[in-house]
C-alpha atoms as a PDB file:
ATOM      1  CA  MET A   1     124.381 -15.732  78.740  1.00  0.00           C
ATOM      2  CA  PRO A   2     127.072 -15.968  81.437  1.00  0.00           C
ATOM      3  CA  LEU A   3     125.910 -15.710  85.023  1.00  0.00           C
ATOM      4  CA  LYS A   4     126.801 -12.381  86.612  1.00  0.00           C
ATOM      5  CA  LEU A   5     128.411 -11.810  89.981  1.00  0.00           C
ATOM      6  CA  PHE A   6     125.944 -11.367  92.806  1.00  0.00           C
ATOM      7  CA  ASP A   7     125.261  -7.817  94.001  1.00  0.00           C
ATOM      8  CA  GLU A   8     127.739  -6.100  96.278  1.00  0.00           C
ATOM      9  CA  ILE A   9     127.200  -6.773  99.975  1.00  0.00           C
ATOM     10  CA  GLU A  10     128.761  -5.730 103.252  1.00  0.00           C
ATOM     11  CA  PRO A  11     129.900  -8.087 106.020  1.00  0.00           C
ATOM     12  CA  PHE A  12     127.563  -8.723 108.922  1.00  0.00           C
ATOM     13  CA  ARG A  13     130.633  -9.402 111.059  1.00  0.00           C
ATOM     14  CA  THR A  14     134.336  -8.591 110.944  1.00  0.00           C
ATOM     15  CA  GLY A  15     137.033  -9.507 113.394  1.00  0.00           C
ATOM     16  CA  ARG A  16     140.617 -10.420 114.123  1.00  0.00           C
ATOM     17  CA  LEU A  17     141.968 -13.769 115.251  1.00  0.00           C
ATOM     18  CA  ASP A  18     145.254 -14.313 117.044  1.00  0.00           C
ATOM     19  CA  VAL A  19     146.800 -17.457 115.560  1.00  0.00           C
ATOM     20  CA  GLY A  20     149.993 -17.512 117.577  1.00  0.00           C
ATOM     21  CA  GLY A  21     153.405 -15.926 117.375  1.00  0.00           C
ATOM     22  CA  SER A  22     152.952 -12.394 116.180  1.00  0.00           C
ATOM     23  CA  HIS A  23     150.220 -13.128 113.617  1.00  0.00           C
ATOM     24  CA  SER A  24     146.704 -11.700 113.734  1.00  0.00           C
ATOM     25  CA  LEU A  25     144.281 -12.556 110.927  1.00  0.00           C
ATOM     26  CA  TYR A  26     141.525 -10.324 109.599  1.00  0.00           C
ATOM     27  CA  PHE A  27     138.290 -12.174 108.802  1.00  0.00           C
ATOM     28  CA  GLU A  28     134.771 -11.324 107.775  1.00  0.00           C
ATOM     29  CA  GLU A  29     131.405 -13.029 107.410  1.00  0.00           C
ATOM     30  CA  CYS A  30     128.855 -12.057 104.769  1.00  0.00           C
ATOM     31  CA  GLY A  31     125.519 -13.222 103.442  1.00  0.00           C
ATOM     32  CA  ASN A  32     123.115 -15.290 105.521  1.00  0.00           C
ATOM     33  CA  PRO A  33     124.250 -15.948 109.118  1.00  0.00           C
ATOM     34  CA  ASN A  34     122.159 -19.148 109.032  1.00  0.00           C
ATOM     35  CA  GLY A  35     123.249 -20.179 105.544  1.00  0.00           C
ATOM     36  CA  LYS A  36     125.557 -22.946 104.445  1.00  0.00           C
ATOM     37  CA  PRO A  37     129.119 -22.138 105.585  1.00  0.00           C
ATOM     38  CA  ALA A  38     131.684 -21.526 102.841  1.00  0.00           C
ATOM     39  CA  VAL A  39     135.256 -20.290 103.090  1.00  0.00           C
ATOM     40  CA  PHE A  40     137.125 -18.581 100.263  1.00  0.00           C
ATOM     41  CA  LEU A  41     140.911 -18.996 100.018  1.00  0.00           C
ATOM     42  CA  HIS A  42     142.600 -16.204  98.106  1.00  0.00           C
ATOM     43  CA  GLY A  43     145.590 -16.569  95.831  1.00  0.00           C
ATOM     44  CA  GLY A  44     149.131 -15.336  95.817  1.00  0.00           C
ATOM     45  CA  PRO A  45     150.294 -16.242  98.395  1.00  0.00           C
ATOM     46  CA  GLY A  46     149.894 -12.685  99.559  1.00  0.00           C
ATOM     47  CA  SER A  47     147.171 -11.211  97.370  1.00  0.00           C
ATOM     48  CA  GLY A  48     144.660 -10.859 100.215  1.00  0.00           C
ATOM     49  CA  SER A  49     140.906 -11.142 100.025  1.00  0.00           C
ATOM     50  CA  GLY A  50     138.588  -8.378  98.880  1.00  0.00           C
ATOM     51  CA  PRO A  51     134.935  -7.390  98.408  1.00  0.00           C
ATOM     52  CA  ILE A  52     134.673  -8.966  94.948  1.00  0.00           C
ATOM     53  CA  TRP A  53     135.091 -12.489  96.361  1.00  0.00           C
ATOM     54  CA  ARG A  54     131.873 -12.137  98.352  1.00  0.00           C
ATOM     55  CA  ARG A  55     130.021 -11.974  95.051  1.00  0.00           C
ATOM     56  CA  TYR A  56     130.698 -15.514  93.850  1.00  0.00           C
ATOM     57  CA  PHE A  57     128.250 -16.918  96.428  1.00  0.00           C
ATOM     58  CA  ASP A  58     124.473 -16.516  96.709  1.00  0.00           C
ATOM     59  CA  PRO A  59     124.192 -14.303  99.826  1.00  0.00           C
ATOM     60  CA  ALA A  60     120.722 -15.623 100.604  1.00  0.00           C
ATOM     61  CA  LYS A  61     122.014 -19.193 100.852  1.00  0.00           C
ATOM     62  CA  TYR A  62     125.598 -18.935 102.087  1.00  0.00           C
ATOM     63  CA  ARG A  63     127.355 -17.852 105.236  1.00  0.00           C
ATOM     64  CA  ILE A  64     130.453 -16.578 103.410  1.00  0.00           C
ATOM     65  CA  VAL A  65     133.761 -16.487 105.273  1.00  0.00           C
ATOM     66  CA  LEU A  66     136.695 -14.530 103.877  1.00  0.00           C
ATOM     67  CA  PHE A  67     140.035 -13.892 105.548  1.00  0.00           C
ATOM     68  CA  ASP A  68     143.474 -12.534 104.774  1.00  0.00           C
ATOM     69  CA  GLN A  69     146.215 -15.125 105.101  1.00  0.00           C
ATOM     70  CA  ARG A  70     149.307 -14.418 107.177  1.00  0.00           C
ATOM     71  CA  GLY A  71     151.258 -11.340 106.161  1.00  0.00           C
ATOM     72  CA  CYS A  72     148.822  -9.789 103.699  1.00  0.00           C
ATOM     73  CA  GLY A  73     145.698  -7.705 103.356  1.00  0.00           C
ATOM     74  CA  LYS A  74     144.521  -6.495 106.743  1.00  0.00           C
ATOM     75  CA  SER A  75     146.310  -9.267 108.622  1.00  0.00           C
ATOM     76  CA  THR A  76     149.396  -8.357 110.607  1.00  0.00           C
ATOM     77  CA  PRO A  77     152.370  -8.145 110.649  1.00  0.00           C
ATOM     78  CA  TYR A  78     152.405  -6.966 107.060  1.00  0.00           C
ATOM     79  CA  ALA A  79     154.562  -8.897 104.556  1.00  0.00           C
ATOM     80  CA  SER A  80     156.031 -11.019 107.351  1.00  0.00           C
ATOM     81  CA  LEU A  81     157.807 -14.249 106.400  1.00  0.00           C
ATOM     82  CA  ILE A  82     158.221 -15.389 110.006  1.00  0.00           C
ATOM     83  CA  GLU A  83     156.207 -18.505 110.889  1.00  0.00           C
ATOM     84  CA  ASN A  84     154.591 -18.308 107.478  1.00  0.00           C
ATOM     85  CA  THR A  85     154.426 -21.718 105.814  1.00  0.00           C
ATOM     86  CA  THR A  86     151.762 -23.864 104.217  1.00  0.00           C
ATOM     87  CA  GLN A  87     151.298 -25.827 107.440  1.00  0.00           C
ATOM     88  CA  HIS A  88     150.777 -22.616 109.393  1.00  0.00           C
ATOM     89  CA  LEU A  89     148.096 -21.545 106.906  1.00  0.00           C
ATOM     90  CA  ILE A  90     146.374 -24.941 107.023  1.00  0.00           C
ATOM     91  CA  ASP A  91     146.204 -24.738 110.802  1.00  0.00           C
ATOM     92  CA  ASP A  92     144.933 -21.141 110.597  1.00  0.00           C
ATOM     93  CA  ILE A  93     141.969 -22.222 108.462  1.00  0.00           C
ATOM     94  CA  ASN A  94     140.956 -24.829 110.994  1.00  0.00           C
ATOM     95  CA  THR A  95     141.505 -22.450 113.911  1.00  0.00           C
ATOM     96  CA  LEU A  96     139.202 -19.952 112.194  1.00  0.00           C
ATOM     97  CA  ARG A  97     136.584 -22.654 111.554  1.00  0.00           C
ATOM     98  CA  THR A  98     136.585 -23.579 115.239  1.00  0.00           C
ATOM     99  CA  HIS A  99     136.523 -19.924 116.304  1.00  0.00           C
ATOM    100  CA  LEU A 100     133.406 -19.339 114.200  1.00  0.00           C
ATOM    101  CA  GLY A 101     131.664 -22.441 115.536  1.00  0.00           C
ATOM    102  CA  ILE A 102     131.454 -24.055 112.109  1.00  0.00           C
ATOM    103  CA  GLU A 103     131.508 -27.840 111.937  1.00  0.00           C
ATOM    104  CA  ARG A 104     131.949 -28.317 108.174  1.00  0.00           C
ATOM    105  CA  TRP A 105     132.134 -25.995 105.206  1.00  0.00           C
ATOM    106  CA  LEU A 106     132.458 -25.671 101.459  1.00  0.00           C
ATOM    107  CA  VAL A 107     136.043 -24.744 100.509  1.00  0.00           C
ATOM    108  CA  VAL A 108     136.586 -22.533  97.447  1.00  0.00           C
ATOM    109  CA  GLY A 109     140.037 -21.482  96.269  1.00  0.00           C
ATOM    110  CA  GLY A 110     141.908 -20.504  93.153  1.00  0.00           C
ATOM    111  CA  SER A 111     145.538 -20.423  92.028  1.00  0.00           C
ATOM    112  CA  TRP A 112     147.527 -20.556  95.295  1.00  0.00           C
ATOM    113  CA  GLY A 113     144.108 -20.860  96.951  1.00  0.00           C
ATOM    114  CA  SER A 114     143.645 -24.173  95.129  1.00  0.00           C
ATOM    115  CA  THR A 115     146.979 -25.384  96.533  1.00  0.00           C
ATOM    116  CA  LEU A 116     145.951 -24.364 100.014  1.00  0.00           C
ATOM    117  CA  GLY A 117     142.439 -25.756  99.574  1.00  0.00           C
ATOM    118  CA  LEU A 118     143.782 -29.157  98.572  1.00  0.00           C
ATOM    119  CA  SER A 119     146.316 -29.109 101.412  1.00  0.00           C
ATOM    120  CA  TYR A 120     143.661 -28.172 103.959  1.00  0.00           C
ATOM    121  CA  ALA A 121     141.163 -30.764 102.732  1.00  0.00           C
ATOM    122  CA  GLN A 122     143.808 -33.487 102.823  1.00  0.00           C
ATOM    123  CA  ALA A 123     144.700 -32.515 106.399  1.00  0.00           C
ATOM    124  CA  TYR A 124     141.080 -32.108 107.589  1.00  0.00           C
ATOM    125  CA  PRO A 125     138.849 -34.088 105.197  1.00  0.00           C
ATOM    126  CA  GLU A 126     136.020 -34.472 107.710  1.00  0.00           C
ATOM    127  CA  GLN A 127     135.580 -30.693 107.914  1.00  0.00           C
ATOM    128  CA  VAL A 128     135.060 -30.215 104.154  1.00  0.00           C
ATOM    129  CA  THR A 129     131.632 -30.680 102.548  1.00  0.00           C
ATOM    130  CA  GLU A 130     132.737 -29.938  98.973  1.00  0.00           C
ATOM    131  CA  LEU A 131     135.589 -28.347  97.051  1.00  0.00           C
ATOM    132  CA  VAL A 132     135.472 -25.814  94.227  1.00  0.00           C
ATOM    133  CA  LEU A 133     138.971 -25.203  92.883  1.00  0.00           C
ATOM    134  CA  TYR A 134     140.079 -23.129  89.912  1.00  0.00           C
ATOM    135  CA  GLY A 135     143.380 -22.175  88.283  1.00  0.00           C
ATOM    136  CA  ILE A 136     144.983 -25.312  89.709  1.00  0.00           C
ATOM    137  CA  PHE A 137     148.495 -24.977  91.109  1.00  0.00           C
ATOM    138  CA  LEU A 138     150.098 -28.065  92.666  1.00  0.00           C
ATOM    139  CA  GLY A 139     153.136 -26.241  94.036  1.00  0.00           C
ATOM    140  CA  SER A 140     155.683 -28.187  91.978  1.00  0.00           C
ATOM    141  CA  LYS A 141     159.080 -27.013  90.788  1.00  0.00           C
ATOM    142  CA  GLU A 142     157.928 -27.691  87.221  1.00  0.00           C
ATOM    143  CA  GLU A 143     155.057 -25.212  87.578  1.00  0.00           C
ATOM    144  CA  ILE A 144     157.206 -22.575  89.291  1.00  0.00           C
ATOM    145  CA  ASP A 145     159.901 -22.897  86.636  1.00  0.00           C
ATOM    146  CA  TRP A 146     157.288 -22.559  83.897  1.00  0.00           C
ATOM    147  CA  PHE A 147     156.352 -19.041  84.989  1.00  0.00           C
ATOM    148  CA  TYR A 148     159.587 -17.860  86.569  1.00  0.00           C
ATOM    149  CA  GLN A 149     162.329 -19.469  84.538  1.00  0.00           C
ATOM    150  CA  ASN A 150     161.521 -21.063  81.209  1.00  0.00           C
ATOM    151  CA  GLY A 151     158.083 -21.377  79.649  1.00  0.00           C
ATOM    152  CA  ALA A 152     155.815 -18.367  79.866  1.00  0.00           C
ATOM    153  CA  ASN A 153     158.751 -16.177  78.785  1.00  0.00           C
ATOM    154  CA  TYR A 154     158.327 -17.526  75.250  1.00  0.00           C
ATOM    155  CA  ILE A 155     154.752 -16.226  75.135  1.00  0.00           C
ATOM    156  CA  LEU A 156     155.206 -12.993  77.091  1.00  0.00           C
ATOM    157  CA  ALA A 157     158.697 -12.249  75.789  1.00  0.00           C
ATOM    158  CA  ASP A 158     158.345  -8.468  75.974  1.00  0.00           C
ATOM    159  CA  ALA A 159     157.070  -8.511  79.566  1.00  0.00           C
ATOM    160  CA  TRP A 160     159.711 -11.077  80.523  1.00  0.00           C
ATOM    161  CA  GLU A 161     162.531  -8.843  79.292  1.00  0.00           C
ATOM    162  CA  GLU A 162     161.272  -6.073  81.545  1.00  0.00           C
ATOM    163  CA  PHE A 163     160.842  -8.495  84.468  1.00  0.00           C
ATOM    164  CA  ILE A 164     164.413  -9.790  84.408  1.00  0.00           C
ATOM    165  CA  SER A 165     165.996  -6.426  83.627  1.00  0.00           C
ATOM    166  CA  ILE A 166     166.700  -5.706  87.305  1.00  0.00           C
ATOM    167  CA  VAL A 167     168.445  -9.061  87.803  1.00  0.00           C
ATOM    168  CA  PRO A 168     172.194  -9.096  86.989  1.00  0.00           C
ATOM    169  CA  MET A 169     173.097 -11.262  84.001  1.00  0.00           C
ATOM    170  CA  ASP A 170     175.102 -13.689  86.129  1.00  0.00           C
ATOM    171  CA  LYS A 171     172.132 -14.332  88.447  1.00  0.00           C
ATOM    172  CA  ARG A 172     169.468 -15.182  85.902  1.00  0.00           C
ATOM    173  CA  ASP A 173     169.815 -18.945  86.194  1.00  0.00           C
ATOM    174  CA  ASN A 174     167.510 -18.808  89.254  1.00  0.00           C
ATOM    175  CA  ILE A 175     165.109 -15.889  88.959  1.00  0.00           C
ATOM    176  CA  VAL A 176     163.107 -16.762  92.073  1.00  0.00           C
ATOM    177  CA  GLU A 177     166.207 -16.856  94.275  1.00  0.00           C
ATOM    178  CA  SER A 178     167.534 -13.632  92.764  1.00  0.00           C
ATOM    179  CA  TYR A 179     164.249 -11.858  93.380  1.00  0.00           C
ATOM    180  CA  CYS A 180     164.161 -13.177  96.945  1.00  0.00           C
ATOM    181  CA  GLN A 181     167.460 -11.410  97.557  1.00  0.00           C
ATOM    182  CA  LEU A 182     166.137  -8.178  96.076  1.00  0.00           C
ATOM    183  CA  LEU A 183     162.892  -8.388  98.043  1.00  0.00           C
ATOM    184  CA  ASN A 184     164.792  -8.827 101.289  1.00  0.00           C
ATOM    185  CA  SER A 185     167.186  -5.966 100.607  1.00  0.00           C
ATOM    186  CA  GLU A 186     167.821  -3.495 103.416  1.00  0.00           C
ATOM    187  CA  ASP A 187     167.135  -0.711 100.905  1.00  0.00           C
ATOM    188  CA  PRO A 188     163.357   0.022 100.941  1.00  0.00           C
ATOM    189  CA  GLU A 189     163.452   1.540  97.457  1.00  0.00           C
ATOM    190  CA  ALA A 190     165.145  -1.562  96.053  1.00  0.00           C
ATOM    191  CA  ARG A 191     162.568  -3.784  97.777  1.00  0.00           C
ATOM    192  CA  MET A 192     159.666  -1.840  96.336  1.00  0.00           C
ATOM    193  CA  LYS A 193     161.160  -1.717  92.837  1.00  0.00           C
ATOM    194  CA  ALA A 194     161.548  -5.494  92.888  1.00  0.00           C
ATOM    195  CA  ALA A 195     158.052  -6.001  94.345  1.00  0.00           C
ATOM    196  CA  GLN A 196     156.396  -3.930  91.637  1.00  0.00           C
ATOM    197  CA  ALA A 197     158.409  -5.624  88.873  1.00  0.00           C
ATOM    198  CA  TRP A 198     157.455  -9.061  90.241  1.00  0.00           C
ATOM    199  CA  SER A 199     153.771  -8.143  90.538  1.00  0.00           C
ATOM    200  CA  LEU A 200     153.690  -6.520  87.111  1.00  0.00           C
ATOM    201  CA  TRP A 201     155.034  -9.708  85.510  1.00  0.00           C
ATOM    202  CA  GLU A 202     152.317 -11.768  87.176  1.00  0.00           C
ATOM    203  CA  ALA A 203     149.560  -9.297  86.340  1.00  0.00           C
ATOM    204  CA  GLN A 204     150.438  -9.337  82.650  1.00  0.00           C
ATOM    205  CA  GLY A 205     149.738 -13.064  82.536  1.00  0.00           C
ATOM    206  CA  LEU A 206     146.432 -13.027  84.400  1.00  0.00           C
ATOM    207  CA  LYS A 207     143.919 -12.741  81.595  1.00  0.00           C
ATOM    208  CA  LEU A 208     143.697 -13.874  78.017  1.00  0.00           C
ATOM    209  CA  ILE A 209     143.001 -10.217  77.148  1.00  0.00           C
ATOM    210  CA  PRO A 210     145.149  -7.973  79.410  1.00  0.00           C
ATOM    211  CA  ASP A 211     143.204  -5.848  81.882  1.00  0.00           C
ATOM    212  CA  ARG A 212     144.941  -2.529  82.490  1.00  0.00           C
ATOM    213  CA  GLU A 213     142.867  -1.742  85.573  1.00  0.00           C
ATOM    214  CA  GLN A 214     143.716  -5.065  87.225  1.00  0.00           C
ATOM    215  CA  ILE A 215     147.376  -4.709  86.278  1.00  0.00           C
ATOM    216  CA  ALA A 216     147.457  -1.262  87.899  1.00  0.00           C
ATOM    217  CA  LYS A 217     146.023  -2.677  91.142  1.00  0.00           C
ATOM    218  CA  PHE A 218     148.665  -5.401  91.252  1.00  0.00           C
ATOM    219  CA  VAL A 219     151.504  -2.882  91.246  1.00  0.00           C
ATOM    220  CA  GLU A 220     150.059  -0.639  93.950  1.00  0.00           C
ATOM    221  CA  PRO A 221     152.646  -0.608  96.766  1.00  0.00           C
ATOM    222  CA  ALA A 222     150.184  -1.855  99.387  1.00  0.00           C
ATOM    223  CA  GLN A 223     149.601  -5.069  97.460  1.00  0.00           C
ATOM    224  CA  ALA A 224     152.855  -5.499  95.550  1.00  0.00           C
ATOM    225  CA  LEU A 225     155.251  -5.820  98.494  1.00  0.00           C
ATOM    226  CA  ALA A 226     153.296  -8.452 100.448  1.00  0.00           C
ATOM    227  CA  GLN A 227     152.422 -10.460  97.362  1.00  0.00           C
ATOM    228  CA  ALA A 228     155.938 -10.447  95.915  1.00  0.00           C
ATOM    229  CA  ARG A 229     157.683 -11.241  99.197  1.00  0.00           C
ATOM    230  CA  LEU A 230     155.298 -14.023 100.157  1.00  0.00           C
ATOM    231  CA  GLU A 231     155.225 -15.594  96.700  1.00  0.00           C
ATOM    232  CA  CYS A 232     159.017 -15.581  96.497  1.00  0.00           C
ATOM    233  CA  HIS A 233     159.250 -17.042  99.999  1.00  0.00           C
ATOM    234  CA  PHE A 234     156.824 -19.871  99.245  1.00  0.00           C
ATOM    235  CA  PHE A 235     158.148 -20.630  95.754  1.00  0.00           C
ATOM    236  CA  ARG A 236     161.751 -20.641  96.948  1.00  0.00           C
ATOM    237  CA  ASN A 237     160.670 -23.373  99.396  1.00  0.00           C
ATOM    238  CA  LEU A 238     158.532 -25.254  96.836  1.00  0.00           C
ATOM    239  CA  CYS A 239     155.451 -24.225  98.804  1.00  0.00           C
ATOM    240  CA  PHE A 240     156.628 -26.242 101.810  1.00  0.00           C
ATOM    241  CA  LEU A 241     155.252 -29.398 100.199  1.00  0.00           C
ATOM    242  CA  ARG A 242     157.092 -32.604  99.500  1.00  0.00           C
ATOM    243  CA  GLN A 243     157.386 -33.607  95.854  1.00  0.00           C
ATOM    244  CA  ASN A 244     154.038 -34.737  94.398  1.00  0.00           C
ATOM    245  CA  GLN A 245     152.377 -34.458  97.813  1.00  0.00           C
ATOM    246  CA  LEU A 246     149.006 -33.148  96.657  1.00  0.00           C
ATOM    247  CA  ILE A 247     148.614 -35.900  94.071  1.00  0.00           C
ATOM    248  CA  GLU A 248     149.767 -38.688  96.372  1.00  0.00           C
ATOM    249  CA  GLU A 249     147.240 -37.661  99.018  1.00  0.00           C
ATOM    250  CA  VAL A 250     144.211 -37.452  96.707  1.00  0.00           C
ATOM    251  CA  PRO A 251     142.810 -40.717  98.183  1.00  0.00           C
ATOM    252  CA  LYS A 252     142.207 -38.825 101.441  1.00  0.00           C
ATOM    253  CA  ILE A 253     139.687 -36.564  99.688  1.00  0.00           C
ATOM    254  CA  SER A 254     138.405 -38.742  96.838  1.00  0.00           C
ATOM    255  CA  HIS A 255     135.005 -39.039  98.577  1.00  0.00           C
ATOM    256  CA  ILE A 256     134.504 -35.245  98.719  1.00  0.00           C
ATOM    257  CA  PRO A 257     132.376 -33.788  95.878  1.00  0.00           C
ATOM    258  CA  ALA A 258     134.662 -31.540  93.856  1.00  0.00           C
ATOM    259  CA  ILE A 259     134.540 -29.294  90.820  1.00  0.00           C
ATOM    260  CA  ILE A 260     137.823 -28.297  89.149  1.00  0.00           C
ATOM    261  CA  ILE A 261     137.658 -25.246  86.863  1.00  0.00           C
ATOM    262  CA  HIS A 262     140.547 -24.200  84.650  1.00  0.00           C
ATOM    263  CA  GLY A 263     141.057 -21.767  81.780  1.00  0.00           C
ATOM    264  CA  ARG A 264     142.438 -23.457  78.684  1.00  0.00           C
ATOM    265  CA  TYR A 265     144.860 -20.566  78.050  1.00  0.00           C
ATOM    266  CA  ASP A 266     146.100 -20.073  81.608  1.00  0.00           C
ATOM    267  CA  LEU A 267     149.671 -18.756  81.304  1.00  0.00           C
ATOM    268  CA  ILE A 268     150.414 -18.635  85.026  1.00  0.00           C
ATOM    269  CA  CYS A 269     149.203 -22.112  85.986  1.00  0.00           C
ATOM    270  CA  PRO A 270     149.141 -24.225  82.818  1.00  0.00           C
ATOM    271  CA  PHE A 271     146.226 -26.601  82.285  1.00  0.00           C
ATOM    272  CA  LYS A 272     148.462 -29.660  82.743  1.00  0.00           C
ATOM    273  CA  ALA A 273     148.171 -29.366  86.535  1.00  0.00           C
ATOM    274  CA  ALA A 274     144.359 -29.476  86.437  1.00  0.00           C
ATOM    275  CA  TRP A 275     144.455 -32.400  84.031  1.00  0.00           C
ATOM    276  CA  THR A 276     146.919 -34.302  86.222  1.00  0.00           C
ATOM    277  CA  LEU A 277     144.813 -33.693  89.324  1.00  0.00           C
ATOM    278  CA  HIS A 278     141.633 -34.849  87.595  1.00  0.00           C
ATOM    279  CA  LYS A 279     143.282 -37.995  86.210  1.00  0.00           C
ATOM    280  CA  HIS A 280     144.300 -38.995  89.739  1.00  0.00           C
ATOM    281  CA  TRP A 281     140.892 -37.950  91.085  1.00  0.00           C
ATOM    282  CA  PRO A 282     138.377 -39.335  88.575  1.00  0.00           C
ATOM    283  CA  GLN A 283     135.495 -38.696  90.984  1.00  0.00           C
ATOM    284  CA  SER A 284     136.056 -34.959  90.523  1.00  0.00           C
ATOM    285  CA  GLU A 285     134.336 -32.959  87.799  1.00  0.00           C
ATOM    286  CA  LEU A 286     136.632 -31.059  85.456  1.00  0.00           C
ATOM    287  CA  VAL A 287     135.370 -27.940  83.697  1.00  0.00           C
ATOM    288  CA  ILE A 288     137.672 -26.573  80.987  1.00  0.00           C
ATOM    289  CA  VAL A 289     136.936 -22.943  80.117  1.00  0.00           C
ATOM    290  CA  PRO A 290     137.897 -22.554  76.450  1.00  0.00           C
ATOM    291  CA  THR A 291     137.862 -18.744  76.432  1.00  0.00           C
ATOM    292  CA  SER A 292     139.819 -17.898  79.586  1.00  0.00           C
ATOM    293  CA  GLY A 293     143.266 -17.534  81.060  1.00  0.00           C
ATOM    294  CA  HIS A 294     144.067 -17.565  84.775  1.00  0.00           C
ATOM    295  CA  SER A 295     141.766 -14.973  86.301  1.00  0.00           C
ATOM    296  CA  ALA A 296     138.490 -15.737  88.059  1.00  0.00           C
ATOM    297  CA  ARG A 297     137.317 -12.332  86.834  1.00  0.00           C
ATOM    298  CA  GLU A 298     137.135 -13.453  83.227  1.00  0.00           C
ATOM    299  CA  LEU A 299     133.446 -13.731  82.360  1.00  0.00           C
ATOM    300  CA  ASP A 300     133.257 -17.404  81.465  1.00  0.00           C
ATOM    301  CA  THR A 301     135.373 -18.520  84.425  1.00  0.00           C
ATOM    302  CA  ALA A 302     133.219 -16.425  86.761  1.00  0.00           C
ATOM    303  CA  HIS A 303     130.156 -18.084  85.236  1.00  0.00           C
ATOM    304  CA  GLU A 304     131.521 -21.548  85.984  1.00  0.00           C
ATOM    305  CA  LEU A 305     132.457 -20.603  89.545  1.00  0.00           C
ATOM    306  CA  ILE A 306     129.003 -19.222  90.265  1.00  0.00           C
ATOM    307  CA  THR A 307     127.428 -22.280  88.643  1.00  0.00           C
ATOM    308  CA  ALA A 308     129.485 -24.472  90.971  1.00  0.00           C
ATOM    309  CA  THR A 309     128.662 -22.567  94.170  1.00  0.00           C
ATOM    310  CA  ASN A 310     124.988 -22.501  93.178  1.00  0.00           C
ATOM    311  CA  ARG A 311     125.052 -26.277  92.782  1.00  0.00           C
ATOM    312  CA  PHE A 312     126.497 -26.799  96.237  1.00  0.00           C
ATOM    313  CA  ALA A 313     124.246 -24.234  97.967  1.00  0.00           C
ATOM    314  CA  ILE A 314     121.994 -26.948  99.424  1.00  0.00           C
ATOM    315  CA  PRO A 315     123.458 -28.089 102.777  1.00  0.00           C
ATOM    316  CA  ASN A 316     125.217 -31.443 102.530  1.00  0.00           C
END
């Protein structure tokens, strides 16, 4: 029987952290104040954290740190693209670690959170005890094109037709760039229409069996605008990574215990990325979930994530 999420809990501490420029990050700590430190990196970019992510860690054993990355969730300014790059986010994670007085911690991240987790670990390997990564995304043009140009549209053809319907015919050779223009329009109604269309397309690919409730949450204005604008911004800039960077820098983290979890039928981040990462990082453990797509909320993927955090609960 699949492991269930841990019971709902409330933070024992919340706060805000000024990380320079105009950015202020919301963070929270949950679980055991004396437990093993763990930080969760949410996806998107721009999706924000939320109460459900507290429940993938044993609260009796972990000091669980969640935060909203620049421009999303409760962090401010909302949906801001200014000084918002991968390097800024990497530095934010380490600034938060120092602020909380944590020497080393377990890093857990999925989808974009796996990209950021790898980037952070490669920049600060001595601060990472272990890595648990799921829904692997390496930030490559190939992966971005798969979901936003030519690949997933063959499987989700009906949803794709709706997604591109607001893009003029003569601008469909670069959907990401075209959406960036729409999402930065001076017309607030046009921005929101584009944000909800972008988020709806992503939501329809999340699970092997579509989840109407989760899809509805993705298109809520409060989430859709930040997520769409930030994703477009990062994808337009190839996630501010040089080509093949995360693979080339695997030797920096090859000594860190790592579990890679990936749904076999992930439409957003195809399994090839996880396979490529594991081949270049043979010390890692790869768990293929044969019944799941992209979402960590699918039962068997959640089971594997909880199994992984349970395994690493003993301080290293």
